[in-house]
N, C-alpha and C. Protein backbone atom coordinates (compact mmCIF):
# COMPACT_ATOMS: atom_id res chain seq x y z
N MET A 1 0.85 -1.18 0.00
CA MET A 1 0.00 0.00 0.00
C MET A 1 0.89 1.25 0.00
N ALA A 2 0.64 2.16 -0.90
CA ALA A 2 1.43 3.38 -1.02
C ALA A 2 1.10 4.33 0.14
N VAL A 3 2.14 4.95 0.65
CA VAL A 3 1.97 5.91 1.73
C VAL A 3 1.78 7.29 1.10
N THR A 4 0.77 8.02 1.53
CA THR A 4 0.56 9.39 1.07
C THR A 4 1.38 10.31 1.95
N ILE A 5 2.26 11.05 1.31
CA ILE A 5 3.13 11.97 2.05
C ILE A 5 2.47 13.34 2.06
N PRO A 6 2.29 13.91 3.25
CA PRO A 6 1.62 15.21 3.34
C PRO A 6 2.41 16.33 2.64
N ALA A 7 1.66 17.26 2.10
CA ALA A 7 2.25 18.45 1.49
C ALA A 7 1.41 19.64 1.93
N GLY A 8 2.07 20.69 2.35
CA GLY A 8 1.38 21.86 2.87
C GLY A 8 0.56 22.62 1.84
N ARG A 9 0.93 22.50 0.57
CA ARG A 9 0.23 23.25 -0.46
C ARG A 9 -0.49 22.37 -1.48
N LEU A 10 0.23 21.36 -1.99
CA LEU A 10 -0.29 20.60 -3.12
C LEU A 10 0.38 19.24 -3.18
N ARG A 11 -0.41 18.19 -3.31
CA ARG A 11 0.15 16.85 -3.51
C ARG A 11 0.29 16.63 -5.01
N LEU A 12 1.44 16.96 -5.51
CA LEU A 12 1.68 16.89 -6.96
C LEU A 12 1.44 15.51 -7.53
N SER A 13 1.79 14.48 -6.78
CA SER A 13 1.60 13.11 -7.27
C SER A 13 0.13 12.80 -7.53
N GLU A 14 -0.76 13.48 -6.83
CA GLU A 14 -2.19 13.24 -6.99
C GLU A 14 -2.83 14.14 -8.03
N VAL A 15 -2.41 15.40 -8.09
CA VAL A 15 -3.06 16.34 -9.01
C VAL A 15 -2.38 16.42 -10.37
N ALA A 16 -1.15 15.93 -10.47
CA ALA A 16 -0.44 15.91 -11.75
C ALA A 16 0.30 14.58 -11.90
N PRO A 17 -0.45 13.47 -11.88
CA PRO A 17 0.20 12.15 -11.88
C PRO A 17 1.03 11.85 -13.13
N LYS A 18 0.61 12.35 -14.29
CA LYS A 18 1.38 12.08 -15.52
C LYS A 18 2.75 12.76 -15.45
N GLN A 19 2.78 14.00 -15.02
CA GLN A 19 4.03 14.74 -14.95
C GLN A 19 4.92 14.19 -13.83
N TYR A 20 4.31 13.86 -12.72
CA TYR A 20 5.05 13.28 -11.59
C TYR A 20 5.67 11.94 -12.03
N GLY A 21 4.88 11.14 -12.72
CA GLY A 21 5.37 9.87 -13.23
C GLY A 21 6.49 10.05 -14.24
N ALA A 22 6.40 11.08 -15.06
CA ALA A 22 7.45 11.35 -16.04
C ALA A 22 8.76 11.68 -15.34
N MET A 23 8.69 12.40 -14.24
CA MET A 23 9.91 12.70 -13.47
C MET A 23 10.52 11.40 -12.92
N PHE A 24 9.69 10.52 -12.42
CA PHE A 24 10.19 9.24 -11.93
C PHE A 24 10.82 8.41 -13.05
N ARG A 25 10.18 8.42 -14.21
CA ARG A 25 10.74 7.68 -15.34
C ARG A 25 12.08 8.26 -15.77
N LEU A 26 12.19 9.58 -15.81
CA LEU A 26 13.47 10.21 -16.12
C LEU A 26 14.52 9.77 -15.11
N GLU A 27 14.17 9.82 -13.85
CA GLU A 27 15.09 9.45 -12.77
C GLU A 27 15.62 8.02 -12.96
N ARG A 28 14.76 7.12 -13.37
CA ARG A 28 15.16 5.72 -13.54
C ARG A 28 16.11 5.51 -14.72
N THR A 29 16.13 6.45 -15.66
CA THR A 29 17.02 6.30 -16.82
C THR A 29 18.45 6.73 -16.52
N ILE A 30 18.68 7.44 -15.44
CA ILE A 30 20.01 7.98 -15.13
C ILE A 30 20.88 6.87 -14.55
N GLU A 31 22.02 6.64 -15.18
CA GLU A 31 22.94 5.59 -14.76
C GLU A 31 24.20 6.25 -14.21
N LEU A 32 24.33 6.21 -12.89
CA LEU A 32 25.43 6.88 -12.20
C LEU A 32 25.78 6.09 -10.96
N ASP A 33 27.05 6.12 -10.60
CA ASP A 33 27.49 5.47 -9.37
C ASP A 33 26.55 5.87 -8.23
N PRO A 34 25.98 4.90 -7.51
CA PRO A 34 24.99 5.21 -6.47
C PRO A 34 25.51 6.13 -5.37
N THR A 35 26.76 6.00 -4.99
CA THR A 35 27.31 6.86 -3.93
C THR A 35 27.36 8.30 -4.40
N ILE A 36 27.88 8.52 -5.59
CA ILE A 36 27.95 9.88 -6.13
C ILE A 36 26.55 10.43 -6.33
N ARG A 37 25.67 9.60 -6.79
CA ARG A 37 24.29 10.02 -7.03
C ARG A 37 23.65 10.56 -5.74
N GLU A 38 23.79 9.83 -4.65
CA GLU A 38 23.18 10.28 -3.39
C GLU A 38 23.88 11.53 -2.83
N LEU A 39 25.20 11.57 -2.94
CA LEU A 39 25.92 12.77 -2.46
C LEU A 39 25.45 14.01 -3.21
N VAL A 40 25.31 13.90 -4.51
CA VAL A 40 24.86 15.02 -5.33
C VAL A 40 23.43 15.42 -4.97
N LYS A 41 22.58 14.42 -4.78
CA LYS A 41 21.19 14.71 -4.43
C LYS A 41 21.09 15.44 -3.09
N ILE A 42 21.86 15.00 -2.13
CA ILE A 42 21.83 15.65 -0.82
C ILE A 42 22.40 17.06 -0.92
N ARG A 43 23.55 17.20 -1.60
CA ARG A 43 24.19 18.51 -1.66
C ARG A 43 23.32 19.54 -2.36
N ALA A 44 22.73 19.19 -3.51
CA ALA A 44 21.83 20.12 -4.20
C ALA A 44 20.64 20.47 -3.31
N SER A 45 20.12 19.47 -2.61
CA SER A 45 18.97 19.70 -1.74
C SER A 45 19.33 20.60 -0.56
N GLN A 46 20.55 20.50 -0.06
CA GLN A 46 21.00 21.41 1.00
C GLN A 46 21.03 22.84 0.47
N ILE A 47 21.60 23.03 -0.70
CA ILE A 47 21.68 24.37 -1.29
C ILE A 47 20.29 24.94 -1.52
N ASN A 48 19.38 24.11 -2.01
CA ASN A 48 18.03 24.56 -2.34
C ASN A 48 17.09 24.59 -1.14
N GLY A 49 17.52 24.09 -0.01
CA GLY A 49 16.69 24.10 1.19
C GLY A 49 15.48 23.19 1.09
N CYS A 50 15.63 22.05 0.41
CA CYS A 50 14.52 21.11 0.28
C CYS A 50 14.61 20.07 1.40
N ALA A 51 13.89 20.32 2.48
CA ALA A 51 13.94 19.45 3.65
C ALA A 51 13.49 18.03 3.32
N PHE A 52 12.45 17.89 2.51
CA PHE A 52 11.97 16.56 2.16
C PHE A 52 13.06 15.77 1.45
N CYS A 53 13.71 16.38 0.47
CA CYS A 53 14.75 15.68 -0.30
C CYS A 53 15.99 15.40 0.54
N ILE A 54 16.35 16.31 1.42
CA ILE A 54 17.48 16.05 2.31
C ILE A 54 17.17 14.82 3.16
N ASP A 55 15.99 14.79 3.76
CA ASP A 55 15.57 13.67 4.59
C ASP A 55 15.56 12.37 3.78
N MET A 56 14.95 12.40 2.61
CA MET A 56 14.84 11.20 1.78
C MET A 56 16.21 10.66 1.38
N HIS A 57 17.04 11.51 0.83
CA HIS A 57 18.31 11.03 0.29
C HIS A 57 19.34 10.74 1.37
N TRP A 58 19.23 11.40 2.51
CA TRP A 58 20.07 11.04 3.66
C TRP A 58 19.73 9.62 4.08
N GLN A 59 18.43 9.33 4.19
CA GLN A 59 18.00 7.98 4.58
C GLN A 59 18.41 6.94 3.54
N ASP A 60 18.25 7.28 2.26
CA ASP A 60 18.65 6.35 1.20
C ASP A 60 20.15 6.08 1.26
N ALA A 61 20.93 7.13 1.47
CA ALA A 61 22.39 6.98 1.55
C ALA A 61 22.78 6.11 2.75
N ARG A 62 22.16 6.34 3.88
CA ARG A 62 22.44 5.53 5.07
C ARG A 62 22.04 4.07 4.84
N ALA A 63 20.88 3.86 4.22
CA ALA A 63 20.43 2.49 3.94
C ALA A 63 21.39 1.78 2.99
N ALA A 64 22.08 2.54 2.14
CA ALA A 64 23.05 1.97 1.21
C ALA A 64 24.44 1.83 1.83
N GLY A 65 24.57 2.22 3.11
CA GLY A 65 25.84 2.03 3.81
C GLY A 65 26.72 3.26 3.93
N GLU A 66 26.23 4.42 3.52
CA GLU A 66 27.03 5.64 3.64
C GLU A 66 27.23 5.98 5.11
N SER A 67 28.39 6.52 5.45
CA SER A 67 28.70 6.84 6.85
C SER A 67 28.09 8.17 7.27
N GLU A 68 27.76 8.25 8.53
CA GLU A 68 27.26 9.52 9.08
C GLU A 68 28.28 10.63 8.90
N GLU A 69 29.56 10.31 9.10
CA GLU A 69 30.60 11.33 8.97
C GLU A 69 30.57 11.98 7.60
N ARG A 70 30.55 11.19 6.56
CA ARG A 70 30.54 11.74 5.20
C ARG A 70 29.27 12.53 4.93
N LEU A 71 28.17 12.12 5.51
CA LEU A 71 26.92 12.84 5.31
C LEU A 71 26.89 14.16 6.06
N TYR A 72 27.32 14.16 7.32
CA TYR A 72 27.23 15.44 8.04
C TYR A 72 28.33 16.41 7.65
N LEU A 73 29.39 15.93 7.00
CA LEU A 73 30.42 16.84 6.50
C LEU A 73 30.14 17.32 5.07
N LEU A 74 29.10 16.82 4.46
CA LEU A 74 28.82 17.14 3.07
C LEU A 74 28.64 18.63 2.83
N ASN A 75 28.03 19.32 3.75
CA ASN A 75 27.83 20.76 3.62
C ASN A 75 29.17 21.51 3.63
N ALA A 76 30.21 20.87 4.15
CA ALA A 76 31.55 21.47 4.22
C ALA A 76 32.56 20.58 3.50
N TRP A 77 32.17 20.02 2.37
CA TRP A 77 33.04 19.07 1.65
C TRP A 77 34.35 19.70 1.21
N ARG A 78 34.36 20.99 0.90
CA ARG A 78 35.59 21.65 0.48
C ARG A 78 36.63 21.67 1.60
N GLU A 79 36.16 21.73 2.83
CA GLU A 79 37.05 21.76 3.99
C GLU A 79 37.30 20.38 4.56
N SER A 80 36.90 19.35 3.82
CA SER A 80 37.05 17.96 4.27
C SER A 80 37.78 17.15 3.20
N PRO A 81 39.03 17.51 2.88
CA PRO A 81 39.72 16.89 1.74
C PRO A 81 39.96 15.39 1.87
N GLY A 82 40.16 14.88 3.06
CA GLY A 82 40.43 13.45 3.21
C GLY A 82 39.18 12.58 3.27
N VAL A 83 38.02 13.20 3.24
CA VAL A 83 36.77 12.47 3.43
C VAL A 83 36.16 12.02 2.11
N TYR A 84 36.37 12.78 1.05
CA TYR A 84 35.77 12.51 -0.25
C TYR A 84 36.86 12.28 -1.29
N THR A 85 36.62 11.39 -2.23
CA THR A 85 37.58 11.12 -3.30
C THR A 85 37.63 12.32 -4.26
N ASP A 86 38.65 12.35 -5.10
CA ASP A 86 38.74 13.40 -6.11
C ASP A 86 37.54 13.36 -7.04
N ARG A 87 37.10 12.18 -7.36
CA ARG A 87 35.92 12.00 -8.23
C ARG A 87 34.67 12.57 -7.57
N GLU A 88 34.47 12.26 -6.30
CA GLU A 88 33.32 12.79 -5.56
C GLU A 88 33.40 14.31 -5.45
N ARG A 89 34.59 14.82 -5.20
CA ARG A 89 34.78 16.27 -5.08
C ARG A 89 34.48 16.98 -6.40
N ALA A 90 34.90 16.39 -7.51
CA ALA A 90 34.60 16.97 -8.82
C ALA A 90 33.09 16.98 -9.07
N ALA A 91 32.42 15.90 -8.68
CA ALA A 91 30.96 15.81 -8.85
C ALA A 91 30.26 16.84 -7.97
N LEU A 92 30.72 17.00 -6.74
CA LEU A 92 30.10 17.97 -5.84
C LEU A 92 30.32 19.39 -6.32
N ASP A 93 31.51 19.68 -6.85
CA ASP A 93 31.80 21.01 -7.38
C ASP A 93 30.89 21.31 -8.56
N LEU A 94 30.75 20.35 -9.46
CA LEU A 94 29.86 20.53 -10.60
C LEU A 94 28.41 20.67 -10.14
N CYS A 95 28.02 19.90 -9.16
CA CYS A 95 26.67 19.98 -8.60
C CYS A 95 26.38 21.39 -8.10
N GLU A 96 27.30 21.95 -7.35
CA GLU A 96 27.10 23.30 -6.82
C GLU A 96 27.02 24.32 -7.95
N ALA A 97 27.90 24.19 -8.95
CA ALA A 97 27.91 25.14 -10.06
C ALA A 97 26.61 25.08 -10.87
N ILE A 98 26.12 23.88 -11.12
CA ILE A 98 24.87 23.75 -11.88
C ILE A 98 23.68 24.19 -11.04
N THR A 99 23.67 23.84 -9.77
CA THR A 99 22.58 24.23 -8.89
C THR A 99 22.49 25.75 -8.77
N LEU A 100 23.63 26.40 -8.76
CA LEU A 100 23.70 27.87 -8.66
C LEU A 100 24.00 28.49 -10.02
N VAL A 101 23.46 27.92 -11.07
CA VAL A 101 23.80 28.30 -12.45
C VAL A 101 23.62 29.80 -12.71
N ALA A 102 22.63 30.43 -12.13
CA ALA A 102 22.43 31.86 -12.37
C ALA A 102 23.60 32.68 -11.83
N ASP A 103 24.26 32.18 -10.80
CA ASP A 103 25.41 32.87 -10.22
C ASP A 103 26.73 32.46 -10.86
N THR A 104 26.86 31.17 -11.20
CA THR A 104 28.16 30.64 -11.62
C THR A 104 28.32 30.45 -13.12
N HIS A 105 27.23 30.18 -13.82
CA HIS A 105 27.28 29.84 -15.25
C HIS A 105 28.23 28.68 -15.52
N VAL A 106 28.43 27.82 -14.55
CA VAL A 106 29.27 26.63 -14.62
C VAL A 106 30.65 26.98 -15.21
N PRO A 107 31.54 27.44 -14.35
CA PRO A 107 32.87 27.86 -14.81
C PRO A 107 33.63 26.74 -15.52
N ASP A 108 34.46 27.13 -16.47
CA ASP A 108 35.24 26.16 -17.25
C ASP A 108 36.12 25.28 -16.36
N ASP A 109 36.74 25.86 -15.33
CA ASP A 109 37.62 25.06 -14.49
C ASP A 109 36.86 23.97 -13.73
N VAL A 110 35.63 24.27 -13.33
CA VAL A 110 34.79 23.28 -12.64
C VAL A 110 34.43 22.16 -13.62
N TRP A 111 34.03 22.55 -14.82
CA TRP A 111 33.69 21.57 -15.85
C TRP A 111 34.89 20.69 -16.18
N GLU A 112 36.05 21.31 -16.34
CA GLU A 112 37.26 20.57 -16.71
C GLU A 112 37.67 19.56 -15.64
N ARG A 113 37.51 19.93 -14.36
CA ARG A 113 37.80 18.97 -13.28
C ARG A 113 36.86 17.77 -13.36
N ALA A 114 35.59 18.05 -13.61
CA ALA A 114 34.61 16.95 -13.73
C ALA A 114 34.92 16.10 -14.96
N ALA A 115 35.26 16.74 -16.06
CA ALA A 115 35.57 16.01 -17.29
C ALA A 115 36.83 15.16 -17.14
N ALA A 116 37.73 15.57 -16.27
CA ALA A 116 38.94 14.78 -16.02
C ALA A 116 38.64 13.53 -15.20
N GLU A 117 37.58 13.56 -14.42
CA GLU A 117 37.21 12.44 -13.55
C GLU A 117 36.16 11.52 -14.15
N PHE A 118 35.38 12.02 -15.08
CA PHE A 118 34.26 11.26 -15.64
C PHE A 118 34.39 11.20 -17.16
N ALA A 119 34.20 10.01 -17.72
CA ALA A 119 34.12 9.87 -19.17
C ALA A 119 32.90 10.66 -19.66
N SER A 120 32.87 11.00 -20.93
CA SER A 120 31.78 11.83 -21.47
C SER A 120 30.39 11.27 -21.17
N ASP A 121 30.23 9.95 -21.33
CA ASP A 121 28.91 9.36 -21.07
C ASP A 121 28.55 9.45 -19.59
N GLU A 122 29.54 9.27 -18.72
CA GLU A 122 29.29 9.40 -17.27
C GLU A 122 28.99 10.85 -16.90
N LEU A 123 29.71 11.76 -17.53
CA LEU A 123 29.51 13.18 -17.26
C LEU A 123 28.09 13.60 -17.65
N ALA A 124 27.63 13.09 -18.77
CA ALA A 124 26.26 13.38 -19.19
C ALA A 124 25.25 12.86 -18.15
N GLN A 125 25.49 11.66 -17.63
CA GLN A 125 24.60 11.10 -16.60
C GLN A 125 24.63 11.96 -15.34
N LEU A 126 25.81 12.44 -14.97
CA LEU A 126 25.95 13.30 -13.80
C LEU A 126 25.18 14.61 -14.00
N VAL A 127 25.29 15.19 -15.18
CA VAL A 127 24.55 16.44 -15.47
C VAL A 127 23.04 16.20 -15.35
N PHE A 128 22.56 15.08 -15.89
CA PHE A 128 21.13 14.78 -15.77
C PHE A 128 20.73 14.53 -14.32
N ALA A 129 21.58 13.86 -13.54
CA ALA A 129 21.27 13.62 -12.13
C ALA A 129 21.16 14.94 -11.38
N ILE A 130 22.06 15.87 -11.66
CA ILE A 130 22.03 17.18 -11.00
C ILE A 130 20.79 17.96 -11.44
N ALA A 131 20.49 17.95 -12.72
CA ALA A 131 19.31 18.65 -13.22
C ALA A 131 18.03 18.05 -12.62
N SER A 132 17.99 16.73 -12.52
CA SER A 132 16.81 16.05 -11.99
C SER A 132 16.56 16.42 -10.53
N ILE A 133 17.59 16.36 -9.70
CA ILE A 133 17.36 16.67 -8.28
C ILE A 133 17.01 18.14 -8.10
N ASN A 134 17.57 19.00 -8.92
CA ASN A 134 17.19 20.41 -8.84
C ASN A 134 15.73 20.62 -9.21
N THR A 135 15.26 19.86 -10.19
CA THR A 135 13.84 19.95 -10.55
C THR A 135 12.97 19.42 -9.42
N TRP A 136 13.34 18.25 -8.85
CA TRP A 136 12.59 17.72 -7.71
C TRP A 136 12.57 18.72 -6.56
N ASN A 137 13.72 19.33 -6.26
CA ASN A 137 13.77 20.32 -5.17
C ASN A 137 12.77 21.44 -5.40
N ARG A 138 12.74 21.96 -6.60
CA ARG A 138 11.85 23.08 -6.91
C ARG A 138 10.39 22.67 -6.82
N LEU A 139 10.08 21.48 -7.30
CA LEU A 139 8.71 20.99 -7.22
C LEU A 139 8.27 20.80 -5.77
N LEU A 140 9.11 20.13 -4.98
CA LEU A 140 8.70 19.76 -3.63
C LEU A 140 8.78 20.92 -2.64
N VAL A 141 9.68 21.86 -2.86
CA VAL A 141 9.69 23.07 -2.04
C VAL A 141 8.43 23.88 -2.34
N ALA A 142 8.10 24.04 -3.62
CA ALA A 142 6.90 24.81 -3.99
C ALA A 142 5.64 24.17 -3.42
N ALA A 143 5.57 22.83 -3.42
CA ALA A 143 4.39 22.12 -2.92
C ALA A 143 4.39 22.00 -1.40
N ARG A 144 5.54 22.30 -0.77
CA ARG A 144 5.73 22.15 0.68
C ARG A 144 5.56 20.69 1.12
N GLN A 145 6.22 19.78 0.36
CA GLN A 145 6.23 18.36 0.73
C GLN A 145 6.89 18.24 2.09
N GLU A 146 6.27 17.54 3.01
CA GLU A 146 6.74 17.48 4.40
C GLU A 146 7.77 16.37 4.62
N PRO A 147 8.90 16.72 5.26
CA PRO A 147 9.88 15.69 5.61
C PRO A 147 9.37 14.83 6.77
N GLY A 148 10.03 13.71 6.98
CA GLY A 148 9.72 12.88 8.13
C GLY A 148 8.74 11.76 7.85
N HIS A 149 8.33 11.60 6.60
CA HIS A 149 7.34 10.57 6.26
C HIS A 149 7.89 9.53 5.30
N TYR A 150 9.16 9.64 4.95
CA TYR A 150 9.77 8.75 3.96
C TYR A 150 10.45 7.57 4.63
N THR A 151 10.31 6.40 4.01
CA THR A 151 11.00 5.20 4.44
C THR A 151 11.78 4.68 3.24
N PRO A 152 13.10 4.47 3.39
CA PRO A 152 13.88 3.97 2.26
C PRO A 152 13.34 2.65 1.75
N ALA A 153 13.42 2.47 0.44
CA ALA A 153 12.95 1.23 -0.19
C ALA A 153 13.63 0.01 0.41
N ALA A 154 14.92 0.14 0.74
CA ALA A 154 15.66 -0.98 1.31
C ALA A 154 15.09 -1.40 2.66
N ALA A 155 14.48 -0.44 3.38
CA ALA A 155 13.94 -0.74 4.71
C ALA A 155 12.46 -1.08 4.66
N ALA A 156 11.81 -0.74 3.56
CA ALA A 156 10.35 -0.94 3.46
C ALA A 156 9.99 -2.40 3.30
């Protein structure tokens, strides 16, 4: 039985099921290392202030074996050089640049670091993962989706 997650303004899954489903289908097509995927989802959600997505992806990351240390240091990943790999750091840098695109316009040096760590096909998947979580953040912040009601699939 599906759990209905409360939303302060609008339950998008109920009033726009085709569009909501399309977002889920897009999400399922993205092929990216699961650890990097969750780190990017959490980091973008922190920047965007999406409490529901932070809660959801923190739980998913923990269920997949991610450490509390790496999760609680994520907001300060630049000051935590020994905690994240160069590949993860490049992904997080690109995530921040794309999430803040109006401010950064994705600088060439950020792109080049990511391109040095990811093959072109992987880089494309990373860009879609970042774009997807940013879209989810905007949808769920606007709808006021409430945190605290999500259970990871691994635990369900």
